[in-house]
Amino acid sequence: MKGFRVVFTAILATLLFATGVAVRASQDTPKAQQGVANLSGLHDFDFLVGDWHGHHRKLKEKLANSHEWVEFEGTLSMRKLMDGYANVDDNMFNTPDGTYRGVGLRSYDPKTGQWAIWWMDGRDPFGNLDPPVKGHFEHGVGTFYAHDTLRGKPILVRFVWSKITPTTAHWEQAYSADDGKTWETNWTMDFQRVAPSVAAAH
């Protein structure tokens, strides 16, 4: 009987390997959510689903007491992922120096009721992702923070979504070099929803 169990175990292992079924260690498998899920913010970014035209205003130098702004146009197209627990937007920026793309990826954590937002710059497709900004919406305003570095020095990064209507929205980014005591806004975007017929034509 003992010999049978040894042979059976060997056959089972061979079948699992042959069929591609992997037995993963517990630390490789994310744990299931425990407790009551906080879904209060799950639909916070529903307003952004669809196609948008964006007007951008961006400082040429960040945290350098610069007052020289550059303005340009762009587009944003957003859709939901993972049954609404994530979403992604594809952005195109028509800057004076040329056109490039970027991707914003967001993921909702039902344990904390917060969103995390990552940014991928199309000009550096193999570059490391910046630390995600994390936060939530209150009274129609979404505020998100992250610790990062700029030119080798620690900074705080802040994203703010505001002035949200069915057809408009405002986004801005700011940096702080003094742990949030003062902020320098270095990029703003004002969005206007594109009518479905216009979006389909593009």
N, C-alpha and C. Protein backbone atom coordinates (compact mmCIF):
# COMPACT_ATOMS: atom_id res chain seq x y z
N MET A 1 0.82 -1.21 0.00
CA MET A 1 0.00 0.00 0.00
C MET A 1 0.86 1.26 0.00
N LYS A 2 1.94 1.19 0.77
CA LYS A 2 2.84 2.34 0.82
C LYS A 2 3.43 2.62 -0.55
N GLY A 3 3.82 1.52 -1.24
CA GLY A 3 4.38 1.68 -2.58
C GLY A 3 3.37 2.29 -3.53
N PHE A 4 2.08 1.91 -3.39
CA PHE A 4 1.04 2.47 -4.24
C PHE A 4 0.91 3.98 -4.05
N ARG A 5 0.96 4.41 -2.77
CA ARG A 5 0.84 5.85 -2.51
C ARG A 5 2.00 6.62 -3.12
N VAL A 6 3.19 6.05 -3.07
CA VAL A 6 4.35 6.71 -3.65
C VAL A 6 4.19 6.85 -5.16
N VAL A 7 3.74 5.73 -5.80
CA VAL A 7 3.55 5.77 -7.25
C VAL A 7 2.43 6.74 -7.62
N PHE A 8 1.31 6.71 -6.87
CA PHE A 8 0.19 7.61 -7.14
C PHE A 8 0.60 9.08 -7.03
N THR A 9 1.37 9.39 -5.99
CA THR A 9 1.84 10.76 -5.80
C THR A 9 2.71 11.20 -6.97
N ALA A 10 3.58 10.31 -7.44
CA ALA A 10 4.46 10.63 -8.56
C ALA A 10 3.65 10.88 -9.83
N ILE A 11 2.62 10.01 -10.06
CA ILE A 11 1.78 10.18 -11.26
C ILE A 11 1.02 11.50 -11.19
N LEU A 12 0.45 11.83 -10.02
CA LEU A 12 -0.31 13.07 -9.85
C LEU A 12 0.57 14.28 -10.13
N ALA A 13 1.80 14.25 -9.60
CA ALA A 13 2.72 15.37 -9.82
C ALA A 13 3.03 15.52 -11.29
N THR A 14 3.21 14.37 -11.99
CA THR A 14 3.50 14.42 -13.42
C THR A 14 2.33 15.00 -14.20
N LEU A 15 1.08 14.61 -13.83
CA LEU A 15 -0.09 15.13 -14.52
C LEU A 15 -0.25 16.63 -14.30
N LEU A 16 -0.03 17.07 -13.08
CA LEU A 16 -0.14 18.50 -12.79
C LEU A 16 0.86 19.29 -13.61
N PHE A 17 2.08 18.77 -13.70
CA PHE A 17 3.12 19.44 -14.48
C PHE A 17 2.75 19.46 -15.96
N ALA A 18 2.26 18.32 -16.48
CA ALA A 18 1.95 18.20 -17.90
C ALA A 18 0.78 19.08 -18.30
N THR A 19 -0.19 19.25 -17.41
CA THR A 19 -1.37 20.05 -17.73
C THR A 19 -1.20 21.51 -17.40
N GLY A 20 -0.06 21.87 -16.85
CA GLY A 20 0.20 23.28 -16.54
C GLY A 20 -0.45 23.76 -15.28
N VAL A 21 -0.97 22.87 -14.45
CA VAL A 21 -1.57 23.28 -13.19
C VAL A 21 -0.47 23.42 -12.15
N ALA A 22 -0.30 24.62 -11.65
CA ALA A 22 0.78 24.88 -10.69
C ALA A 22 0.22 24.96 -9.28
N VAL A 23 0.93 24.35 -8.35
CA VAL A 23 0.58 24.46 -6.94
C VAL A 23 1.45 25.55 -6.34
N ARG A 24 0.84 26.68 -6.00
CA ARG A 24 1.61 27.83 -5.55
C ARG A 24 1.69 27.87 -4.04
N ALA A 25 2.81 28.34 -3.55
CA ALA A 25 2.96 28.53 -2.12
C ALA A 25 2.01 29.62 -1.65
N SER A 26 1.63 29.58 -0.38
CA SER A 26 0.65 30.52 0.13
C SER A 26 1.10 31.96 0.00
N GLN A 27 2.41 32.22 0.12
CA GLN A 27 2.88 33.60 0.03
C GLN A 27 2.80 34.14 -1.39
N ASP A 28 2.62 33.25 -2.40
CA ASP A 28 2.49 33.70 -3.78
C ASP A 28 1.05 34.05 -4.13
N THR A 29 0.11 33.70 -3.29
CA THR A 29 -1.30 33.91 -3.56
C THR A 29 -1.84 35.04 -2.69
N PRO A 30 -2.38 36.11 -3.31
CA PRO A 30 -2.96 37.18 -2.49
C PRO A 30 -4.07 36.65 -1.61
N LYS A 31 -4.10 37.13 -0.38
CA LYS A 31 -5.12 36.68 0.55
C LYS A 31 -6.47 37.29 0.20
N ALA A 32 -7.53 36.54 0.44
CA ALA A 32 -8.87 37.05 0.20
C ALA A 32 -9.17 38.20 1.14
N GLN A 33 -10.03 39.12 0.67
CA GLN A 33 -10.41 40.26 1.50
C GLN A 33 -11.12 39.78 2.77
N GLN A 34 -10.75 40.35 3.89
CA GLN A 34 -11.36 39.99 5.16
C GLN A 34 -12.24 41.15 5.65
N GLY A 35 -13.33 40.82 6.32
CA GLY A 35 -14.18 41.85 6.90
C GLY A 35 -15.10 42.47 5.86
N VAL A 36 -15.74 43.57 6.26
CA VAL A 36 -16.71 44.25 5.42
C VAL A 36 -15.98 45.18 4.46
N ALA A 37 -16.26 45.05 3.17
CA ALA A 37 -15.61 45.88 2.17
C ALA A 37 -16.14 47.31 2.24
N ASN A 38 -15.23 48.28 2.07
CA ASN A 38 -15.61 49.69 1.99
C ASN A 38 -15.72 50.06 0.52
N LEU A 39 -16.95 50.12 0.03
CA LEU A 39 -17.19 50.42 -1.38
C LEU A 39 -17.67 51.84 -1.60
N SER A 40 -17.48 52.70 -0.59
CA SER A 40 -18.00 54.06 -0.67
C SER A 40 -17.39 54.86 -1.81
N GLY A 41 -16.16 54.53 -2.21
CA GLY A 41 -15.51 55.29 -3.27
C GLY A 41 -15.35 54.55 -4.57
N LEU A 42 -15.99 53.39 -4.69
CA LEU A 42 -15.77 52.54 -5.86
C LEU A 42 -16.15 53.24 -7.16
N HIS A 43 -17.13 54.13 -7.11
CA HIS A 43 -17.61 54.78 -8.34
C HIS A 43 -17.10 56.21 -8.49
N ASP A 44 -16.08 56.58 -7.71
CA ASP A 44 -15.60 57.95 -7.74
C ASP A 44 -15.13 58.40 -9.11
N PHE A 45 -14.55 57.48 -9.89
CA PHE A 45 -14.00 57.87 -11.20
C PHE A 45 -14.94 57.54 -12.36
N ASP A 46 -16.18 57.17 -12.06
CA ASP A 46 -17.13 56.88 -13.13
C ASP A 46 -17.33 58.09 -14.04
N PHE A 47 -17.20 59.29 -13.49
CA PHE A 47 -17.40 60.51 -14.28
C PHE A 47 -16.44 60.60 -15.45
N LEU A 48 -15.29 59.93 -15.36
CA LEU A 48 -14.24 60.09 -16.36
C LEU A 48 -14.34 59.09 -17.51
N VAL A 49 -15.26 58.14 -17.41
CA VAL A 49 -15.40 57.16 -18.49
C VAL A 49 -15.77 57.87 -19.79
N GLY A 50 -15.06 57.53 -20.85
CA GLY A 50 -15.36 58.12 -22.15
C GLY A 50 -14.19 58.88 -22.74
N ASP A 51 -14.49 59.78 -23.66
CA ASP A 51 -13.47 60.51 -24.41
C ASP A 51 -13.54 62.00 -24.08
N TRP A 52 -12.35 62.59 -23.96
CA TRP A 52 -12.25 63.99 -23.53
C TRP A 52 -11.21 64.74 -24.34
N HIS A 53 -11.45 66.04 -24.47
CA HIS A 53 -10.42 66.97 -24.97
C HIS A 53 -9.86 67.70 -23.76
N GLY A 54 -8.53 67.85 -23.71
CA GLY A 54 -7.91 68.51 -22.58
C GLY A 54 -7.07 69.71 -22.99
N HIS A 55 -7.21 70.79 -22.23
CA HIS A 55 -6.33 71.94 -22.38
C HIS A 55 -5.33 71.92 -21.22
N HIS A 56 -4.04 71.89 -21.55
CA HIS A 56 -2.98 71.73 -20.56
C HIS A 56 -2.21 73.04 -20.37
N ARG A 57 -1.84 73.27 -19.11
CA ARG A 57 -0.99 74.40 -18.76
C ARG A 57 0.07 73.86 -17.80
N LYS A 58 1.35 73.95 -18.20
CA LYS A 58 2.40 73.26 -17.47
C LYS A 58 3.61 74.16 -17.27
N LEU A 59 4.15 74.16 -16.04
CA LEU A 59 5.37 74.90 -15.77
C LEU A 59 6.55 74.24 -16.47
N LYS A 60 7.43 75.05 -17.04
CA LYS A 60 8.61 74.48 -17.70
C LYS A 60 9.58 73.88 -16.70
N GLU A 61 9.71 74.49 -15.52
CA GLU A 61 10.60 73.98 -14.48
C GLU A 61 9.80 73.76 -13.21
N LYS A 62 10.00 72.59 -12.57
CA LYS A 62 9.26 72.26 -11.36
C LYS A 62 10.09 72.59 -10.13
N LEU A 63 9.47 73.23 -9.15
CA LEU A 63 10.12 73.61 -7.89
C LEU A 63 11.42 74.37 -8.14
N ALA A 64 11.35 75.32 -9.03
CA ALA A 64 12.53 76.14 -9.32
C ALA A 64 12.15 77.61 -9.40
N ASN A 65 11.03 77.96 -8.73
CA ASN A 65 10.53 79.34 -8.76
C ASN A 65 10.33 79.83 -10.19
N SER A 66 9.95 78.91 -11.06
CA SER A 66 9.71 79.26 -12.45
C SER A 66 8.31 79.82 -12.61
N HIS A 67 8.17 80.79 -13.49
CA HIS A 67 6.87 81.36 -13.79
C HIS A 67 6.58 81.28 -15.28
N GLU A 68 7.34 80.45 -15.97
CA GLU A 68 7.16 80.30 -17.42
C GLU A 68 6.31 79.07 -17.70
N TRP A 69 5.12 79.32 -18.21
CA TRP A 69 4.18 78.24 -18.49
C TRP A 69 4.12 77.95 -19.97
N VAL A 70 3.84 76.70 -20.30
CA VAL A 70 3.59 76.30 -21.68
C VAL A 70 2.19 75.72 -21.75
N GLU A 71 1.46 76.05 -22.80
CA GLU A 71 0.08 75.57 -22.96
C GLU A 71 -0.03 74.75 -24.23
N PHE A 72 -0.83 73.69 -24.16
CA PHE A 72 -1.01 72.81 -25.31
C PHE A 72 -2.31 72.03 -25.14
N GLU A 73 -2.69 71.33 -26.20
CA GLU A 73 -3.93 70.57 -26.20
C GLU A 73 -3.63 69.08 -26.11
N GLY A 74 -4.66 68.30 -25.81
CA GLY A 74 -4.49 66.86 -25.73
C GLY A 74 -5.82 66.15 -25.68
N THR A 75 -5.76 64.84 -25.56
CA THR A 75 -6.97 64.02 -25.46
C THR A 75 -6.80 62.99 -24.35
N LEU A 76 -7.92 62.50 -23.83
CA LEU A 76 -7.94 61.44 -22.83
C LEU A 76 -9.10 60.51 -23.15
N SER A 77 -8.83 59.21 -23.08
CA SER A 77 -9.88 58.21 -23.28
C SER A 77 -9.79 57.20 -22.13
N MET A 78 -10.86 57.06 -21.36
CA MET A 78 -10.83 56.24 -20.15
C MET A 78 -11.89 55.14 -20.21
N ARG A 79 -11.52 53.96 -19.69
CA ARG A 79 -12.47 52.86 -19.57
C ARG A 79 -12.21 52.10 -18.28
N LYS A 80 -13.24 51.40 -17.81
CA LYS A 80 -13.14 50.62 -16.58
C LYS A 80 -12.50 49.26 -16.83
N LEU A 81 -11.88 48.73 -15.78
CA LEU A 81 -11.32 47.39 -15.78
C LEU A 81 -11.78 46.66 -14.51
N MET A 82 -11.64 45.35 -14.48
CA MET A 82 -11.87 44.55 -13.27
C MET A 82 -13.21 44.87 -12.61
N ASP A 83 -14.26 44.96 -13.45
CA ASP A 83 -15.62 45.20 -12.94
C ASP A 83 -15.70 46.48 -12.12
N GLY A 84 -14.91 47.49 -12.52
CA GLY A 84 -14.98 48.79 -11.86
C GLY A 84 -13.98 49.01 -10.75
N TYR A 85 -13.25 47.96 -10.35
CA TYR A 85 -12.25 48.11 -9.30
C TYR A 85 -10.93 48.69 -9.82
N ALA A 86 -10.86 48.91 -11.11
CA ALA A 86 -9.69 49.55 -11.72
C ALA A 86 -10.16 50.27 -12.97
N ASN A 87 -9.34 51.18 -13.45
CA ASN A 87 -9.61 51.84 -14.73
C ASN A 87 -8.30 52.33 -15.32
N VAL A 88 -8.35 52.64 -16.59
CA VAL A 88 -7.14 53.07 -17.30
C VAL A 88 -7.51 54.17 -18.28
N ASP A 89 -6.63 55.17 -18.41
CA ASP A 89 -6.85 56.18 -19.43
C ASP A 89 -5.62 56.32 -20.31
N ASP A 90 -5.90 56.50 -21.60
CA ASP A 90 -4.87 56.69 -22.62
C ASP A 90 -4.86 58.18 -22.96
N ASN A 91 -3.70 58.81 -22.77
CA ASN A 91 -3.58 60.25 -22.96
C ASN A 91 -2.66 60.57 -24.12
N MET A 92 -3.01 61.61 -24.88
CA MET A 92 -2.13 62.12 -25.92
C MET A 92 -1.89 63.61 -25.65
N PHE A 93 -0.62 64.01 -25.69
CA PHE A 93 -0.22 65.38 -25.40
C PHE A 93 0.42 65.99 -26.64
N ASN A 94 -0.19 67.04 -27.16
CA ASN A 94 0.33 67.73 -28.34
C ASN A 94 1.14 68.94 -27.91
N THR A 95 2.34 68.70 -27.38
CA THR A 95 3.16 69.77 -26.83
C THR A 95 3.91 70.49 -27.95
N PRO A 96 4.42 71.69 -27.67
CA PRO A 96 5.22 72.40 -28.68
C PRO A 96 6.46 71.62 -29.11
N ASP A 97 6.95 70.72 -28.26
CA ASP A 97 8.13 69.92 -28.59
C ASP A 97 7.80 68.61 -29.29
N GLY A 98 6.53 68.35 -29.51
CA GLY A 98 6.14 67.11 -30.17
C GLY A 98 5.02 66.40 -29.42
N THR A 99 4.49 65.39 -30.04
CA THR A 99 3.37 64.63 -29.47
C THR A 99 3.88 63.37 -28.77
N TYR A 100 3.33 63.09 -27.58
CA TYR A 100 3.65 61.84 -26.90
C TYR A 100 2.42 61.35 -26.16
N ARG A 101 2.50 60.11 -25.67
CA ARG A 101 1.37 59.50 -24.97
C ARG A 101 1.75 59.11 -23.55
N GLY A 102 0.74 58.95 -22.72
CA GLY A 102 0.94 58.47 -21.36
C GLY A 102 -0.29 57.70 -20.92
N VAL A 103 -0.10 56.83 -19.93
CA VAL A 103 -1.19 55.99 -19.43
C VAL A 103 -1.34 56.20 -17.93
N GLY A 104 -2.56 56.46 -17.50
CA GLY A 104 -2.89 56.51 -16.09
C GLY A 104 -3.64 55.24 -15.69
N LEU A 105 -3.15 54.54 -14.68
CA LEU A 105 -3.78 53.31 -14.19
C LEU A 105 -4.21 53.51 -12.75
N ARG A 106 -5.47 53.19 -12.45
CA ARG A 106 -6.00 53.36 -11.10
C ARG A 106 -6.56 52.04 -10.59
N SER A 107 -6.42 51.83 -9.28
CA SER A 107 -6.92 50.61 -8.65
C SER A 107 -7.53 50.95 -7.31
N TYR A 108 -8.70 50.37 -7.04
CA TYR A 108 -9.45 50.67 -5.80
C TYR A 108 -9.20 49.59 -4.75
N ASP A 109 -8.95 50.00 -3.52
CA ASP A 109 -8.72 49.09 -2.41
C ASP A 109 -9.94 49.11 -1.49
N PRO A 110 -10.76 48.05 -1.49
CA PRO A 110 -11.96 48.04 -0.65
C PRO A 110 -11.66 47.93 0.84
N LYS A 111 -10.40 47.67 1.21
CA LYS A 111 -10.05 47.65 2.64
C LYS A 111 -9.95 49.06 3.19
N THR A 112 -9.44 49.99 2.37
CA THR A 112 -9.21 51.35 2.85
C THR A 112 -10.17 52.37 2.24
N GLY A 113 -10.86 51.99 1.16
CA GLY A 113 -11.71 52.94 0.47
C GLY A 113 -10.92 53.98 -0.31
N GLN A 114 -9.69 53.65 -0.65
CA GLN A 114 -8.84 54.59 -1.37
C GLN A 114 -8.48 54.06 -2.76
N TRP A 115 -8.13 55.02 -3.61
CA TRP A 115 -7.61 54.70 -4.93
C TRP A 115 -6.10 54.92 -4.95
N ALA A 116 -5.40 54.06 -5.71
CA ALA A 116 -3.99 54.26 -6.03
C ALA A 116 -3.89 54.57 -7.52
N ILE A 117 -3.01 55.51 -7.87
CA ILE A 117 -2.88 55.94 -9.27
C ILE A 117 -1.42 55.88 -9.68
N TRP A 118 -1.15 55.13 -10.75
CA TRP A 118 0.20 55.05 -11.32
C TRP A 118 0.23 55.77 -12.66
N TRP A 119 1.43 56.22 -13.05
CA TRP A 119 1.58 56.92 -14.33
C TRP A 119 2.70 56.29 -15.14
N MET A 120 2.44 56.03 -16.42
CA MET A 120 3.46 55.52 -17.32
C MET A 120 3.64 56.51 -18.46
N ASP A 121 4.87 56.99 -18.64
CA ASP A 121 5.19 57.97 -19.67
C ASP A 121 5.65 57.24 -20.93
N GLY A 122 4.96 57.49 -22.04
CA GLY A 122 5.29 56.83 -23.29
C GLY A 122 6.67 57.16 -23.83
N ARG A 123 7.28 58.25 -23.33
CA ARG A 123 8.62 58.61 -23.80
C ARG A 123 9.69 57.75 -23.13
N ASP A 124 9.31 57.03 -22.08
CA ASP A 124 10.26 56.16 -21.36
C ASP A 124 9.56 54.84 -21.06
N PRO A 125 9.27 54.03 -22.10
CA PRO A 125 8.42 52.85 -21.89
C PRO A 125 9.02 51.79 -20.99
N PHE A 126 10.35 51.76 -20.82
CA PHE A 126 10.97 50.78 -19.94
C PHE A 126 11.36 51.39 -18.60
N GLY A 127 10.96 52.63 -18.35
CA GLY A 127 11.33 53.30 -17.11
C GLY A 127 10.53 52.77 -15.93
N ASN A 128 11.05 53.00 -14.74
CA ASN A 128 10.35 52.61 -13.53
C ASN A 128 9.11 53.47 -13.33
N LEU A 129 8.04 52.85 -12.85
CA LEU A 129 6.84 53.62 -12.52
C LEU A 129 7.09 54.45 -11.27
N ASP A 130 6.55 55.66 -11.27
CA ASP A 130 6.63 56.49 -10.07
C ASP A 130 5.81 55.86 -8.96
N PRO A 131 6.12 56.17 -7.70
CA PRO A 131 5.26 55.68 -6.60
C PRO A 131 3.83 56.15 -6.82
N PRO A 132 2.84 55.31 -6.55
CA PRO A 132 1.45 55.72 -6.80
C PRO A 132 0.99 56.78 -5.81
N VAL A 133 0.21 57.73 -6.31
CA VAL A 133 -0.48 58.64 -5.40
C VAL A 133 -1.72 57.91 -4.89
N LYS A 134 -2.06 58.13 -3.61
CA LYS A 134 -3.19 57.43 -3.01
C LYS A 134 -4.10 58.42 -2.31
N GLY A 135 -5.40 58.18 -2.39
CA GLY A 135 -6.34 59.07 -1.72
C GLY A 135 -7.77 58.74 -2.09
N HIS A 136 -8.65 59.72 -1.88
CA HIS A 136 -10.08 59.49 -2.11
C HIS A 136 -10.77 60.83 -2.36
N PHE A 137 -12.06 60.75 -2.63
CA PHE A 137 -12.88 61.94 -2.87
C PHE A 137 -13.65 62.32 -1.62
N GLU A 138 -13.76 63.61 -1.38
CA GLU A 138 -14.64 64.17 -0.35
C GLU A 138 -15.34 65.38 -0.92
N HIS A 139 -16.68 65.38 -0.82
CA HIS A 139 -17.49 66.51 -1.29
C HIS A 139 -17.15 66.88 -2.74
N GLY A 140 -16.97 65.85 -3.57
CA GLY A 140 -16.75 66.09 -4.99
C GLY A 140 -15.34 66.44 -5.40
N VAL A 141 -14.40 66.44 -4.45
CA VAL A 141 -13.00 66.76 -4.75
C VAL A 141 -12.14 65.55 -4.38
N GLY A 142 -11.34 65.08 -5.33
CA GLY A 142 -10.45 63.96 -5.08
C GLY A 142 -9.02 64.45 -4.85
N THR A 143 -8.42 64.01 -3.74
CA THR A 143 -7.06 64.44 -3.39
C THR A 143 -6.20 63.21 -3.14
N PHE A 144 -5.02 63.19 -3.76
CA PHE A 144 -4.17 62.00 -3.75
C PHE A 144 -2.71 62.42 -3.53
N TYR A 145 -1.99 61.68 -2.69
CA TYR A 145 -0.62 62.06 -2.30
C TYR A 145 0.35 60.89 -2.50
N ALA A 146 1.63 61.26 -2.70
CA ALA A 146 2.70 60.26 -2.74
C ALA A 146 4.00 60.92 -2.32
N HIS A 147 4.90 60.11 -1.75
CA HIS A 147 6.27 60.53 -1.50
C HIS A 147 7.11 60.15 -2.72
N ASP A 148 7.92 61.10 -3.19
CA ASP A 148 8.75 60.86 -4.37
C ASP A 148 10.05 61.65 -4.22
N THR A 149 10.85 61.64 -5.27
CA THR A 149 12.07 62.44 -5.28
C THR A 149 12.11 63.25 -6.57
N LEU A 150 12.74 64.42 -6.51
CA LEU A 150 12.95 65.28 -7.67
C LEU A 150 14.36 65.83 -7.60
N ARG A 151 15.14 65.52 -8.63
CA ARG A 151 16.55 65.91 -8.66
C ARG A 151 17.27 65.46 -7.39
N GLY A 152 16.94 64.25 -6.93
CA GLY A 152 17.61 63.65 -5.79
C GLY A 152 17.12 64.10 -4.43
N LYS A 153 16.11 64.97 -4.38
CA LYS A 153 15.60 65.47 -3.11
C LYS A 153 14.17 64.98 -2.88
N PRO A 154 13.83 64.65 -1.62
CA PRO A 154 12.47 64.15 -1.34
C PRO A 154 11.42 65.23 -1.52
N ILE A 155 10.30 64.85 -2.10
CA ILE A 155 9.17 65.76 -2.27
C ILE A 155 7.87 65.02 -1.99
N LEU A 156 6.82 65.78 -1.78
CA LEU A 156 5.46 65.25 -1.78
C LEU A 156 4.81 65.62 -3.11
N VAL A 157 4.05 64.68 -3.66
CA VAL A 157 3.29 64.92 -4.88
C VAL A 157 1.81 64.90 -4.54
N ARG A 158 1.07 65.81 -5.14
CA ARG A 158 -0.38 65.88 -4.89
C ARG A 158 -1.13 65.99 -6.22
N PHE A 159 -2.12 65.10 -6.41
CA PHE A 159 -3.07 65.22 -7.50
C PHE A 159 -4.41 65.68 -6.92
N VAL A 160 -5.09 66.58 -7.63
CA VAL A 160 -6.43 67.01 -7.22
C VAL A 160 -7.36 66.99 -8.43
N TRP A 161 -8.49 66.29 -8.28
CA TRP A 161 -9.58 66.34 -9.25
C TRP A 161 -10.70 67.20 -8.66
N SER A 162 -11.22 68.16 -9.45
CA SER A 162 -12.26 69.05 -8.94
C SER A 162 -13.10 69.58 -10.11
N LYS A 163 -14.07 70.43 -9.77
CA LYS A 163 -14.94 71.09 -10.77
C LYS A 163 -15.55 70.06 -11.73
N ILE A 164 -16.04 68.97 -11.16
CA ILE A 164 -16.53 67.86 -11.97
C ILE A 164 -18.01 68.05 -12.29
N THR A 165 -18.34 68.00 -13.57
CA THR A 165 -19.72 68.02 -14.05
C THR A 165 -19.84 66.89 -15.08
N PRO A 166 -21.03 66.65 -15.60
CA PRO A 166 -21.15 65.61 -16.63
C PRO A 166 -20.29 65.85 -17.87
N THR A 167 -19.89 67.09 -18.13
CA THR A 167 -19.16 67.39 -19.37
C THR A 167 -17.81 68.07 -19.13
N THR A 168 -17.45 68.37 -17.88
CA THR A 168 -16.19 69.05 -17.62
C THR A 168 -15.52 68.47 -16.37
N ALA A 169 -14.22 68.67 -16.28
CA ALA A 169 -13.46 68.27 -15.09
C ALA A 169 -12.13 69.02 -15.09
N HIS A 170 -11.58 69.17 -13.89
CA HIS A 170 -10.30 69.88 -13.73
C HIS A 170 -9.35 68.99 -12.93
N TRP A 171 -8.09 68.92 -13.39
CA TRP A 171 -7.05 68.16 -12.69
C TRP A 171 -5.84 69.06 -12.51
N GLU A 172 -5.16 68.90 -11.39
CA GLU A 172 -3.90 69.63 -11.22
C GLU A 172 -2.93 68.81 -10.39
N GLN A 173 -1.64 69.06 -10.65
CA GLN A 173 -0.55 68.41 -9.93
C GLN A 173 0.29 69.47 -9.23
N ALA A 174 0.69 69.18 -8.01
CA ALA A 174 1.53 70.10 -7.25
C ALA A 174 2.61 69.33 -6.51
N TYR A 175 3.75 69.99 -6.29
CA TYR A 175 4.87 69.41 -5.54
C TYR A 175 5.13 70.25 -4.30
N SER A 176 5.60 69.58 -3.25
CA SER A 176 6.01 70.27 -2.03
C SER A 176 7.38 69.76 -1.61
N ALA A 177 8.28 70.71 -1.33
CA ALA A 177 9.63 70.34 -0.88
C ALA A 177 9.76 70.49 0.63
N ASP A 178 8.69 70.91 1.32
CA ASP A 178 8.76 71.13 2.77
C ASP A 178 7.69 70.34 3.51
N ASP A 179 7.45 69.10 3.03
CA ASP A 179 6.54 68.17 3.70
C ASP A 179 5.12 68.71 3.79
N GLY A 180 4.69 69.40 2.74
CA GLY A 180 3.31 69.83 2.66
C GLY A 180 2.99 71.19 3.23
N LYS A 181 4.00 71.92 3.73
CA LYS A 181 3.74 73.27 4.26
C LYS A 181 3.37 74.23 3.14
N THR A 182 4.07 74.13 2.03
CA THR A 182 3.76 74.95 0.86
C THR A 182 3.75 74.04 -0.37
N TRP A 183 2.98 74.47 -1.37
CA TRP A 183 2.83 73.69 -2.59
C TRP A 183 3.05 74.56 -3.81
N GLU A 184 3.64 73.96 -4.85
CA GLU A 184 3.79 74.62 -6.13
C GLU A 184 3.02 73.81 -7.18
N THR A 185 1.94 74.40 -7.69
CA THR A 185 1.20 73.75 -8.77
C THR A 185 2.00 73.89 -10.06
N ASN A 186 2.25 72.74 -10.72
CA ASN A 186 3.09 72.79 -11.91
C ASN A 186 2.41 72.25 -13.17
N TRP A 187 1.18 71.75 -13.04
CA TRP A 187 0.49 71.24 -14.23
C TRP A 187 -1.00 71.26 -13.96
N THR A 188 -1.77 71.84 -14.87
CA THR A 188 -3.23 71.80 -14.77
C THR A 188 -3.80 71.29 -16.09
N MET A 189 -4.93 70.61 -15.97
CA MET A 189 -5.65 70.13 -17.15
C MET A 189 -7.12 70.47 -16.98
N ASP A 190 -7.70 71.08 -17.99
CA ASP A 190 -9.14 71.34 -18.02
C ASP A 190 -9.75 70.51 -19.13
N PHE A 191 -10.68 69.63 -18.75
CA PHE A 191 -11.22 68.66 -19.68
C PHE A 191 -12.64 69.03 -20.11
N GLN A 192 -12.94 68.74 -21.39
CA GLN A 192 -14.27 68.92 -21.95
C GLN A 192 -14.64 67.60 -22.62
N ARG A 193 -15.79 67.05 -22.24
CA ARG A 193 -16.20 65.77 -22.81
C ARG A 193 -16.44 65.90 -24.31
N VAL A 194 -15.99 64.87 -25.05
CA VAL A 194 -16.18 64.82 -26.50
C VAL A 194 -17.47 64.06 -26.79
N ALA A 195 -18.31 64.62 -27.64
CA ALA A 195 -19.56 63.95 -28.00
C ALA A 195 -19.26 62.61 -28.65
N PRO A 196 -20.07 61.57 -28.40
CA PRO A 196 -19.81 60.24 -28.96
C PRO A 196 -19.59 60.22 -30.46
N SER A 197 -20.36 61.02 -31.21
CA SER A 197 -20.21 61.03 -32.66
C SER A 197 -18.86 61.59 -33.08
N VAL A 198 -18.38 62.60 -32.34
CA VAL A 198 -17.07 63.18 -32.65
C VAL A 198 -15.97 62.21 -32.31
N ALA A 199 -16.10 61.52 -31.14
CA ALA A 199 -15.09 60.55 -30.73
C ALA A 199 -15.00 59.41 -31.73
N ALA A 200 -16.14 58.95 -32.24
CA ALA A 200 -16.13 57.84 -33.19
C ALA A 200 -15.45 58.23 -34.49
N ALA A 201 -15.53 59.51 -34.86
CA ALA A 201 -14.92 59.97 -36.10
C ALA A 201 -13.40 59.94 -36.04
N HIS A 202 -12.86 59.95 -34.80
CA HIS A 202 -11.40 59.94 -34.62
C HIS A 202 -10.91 58.54 -34.33
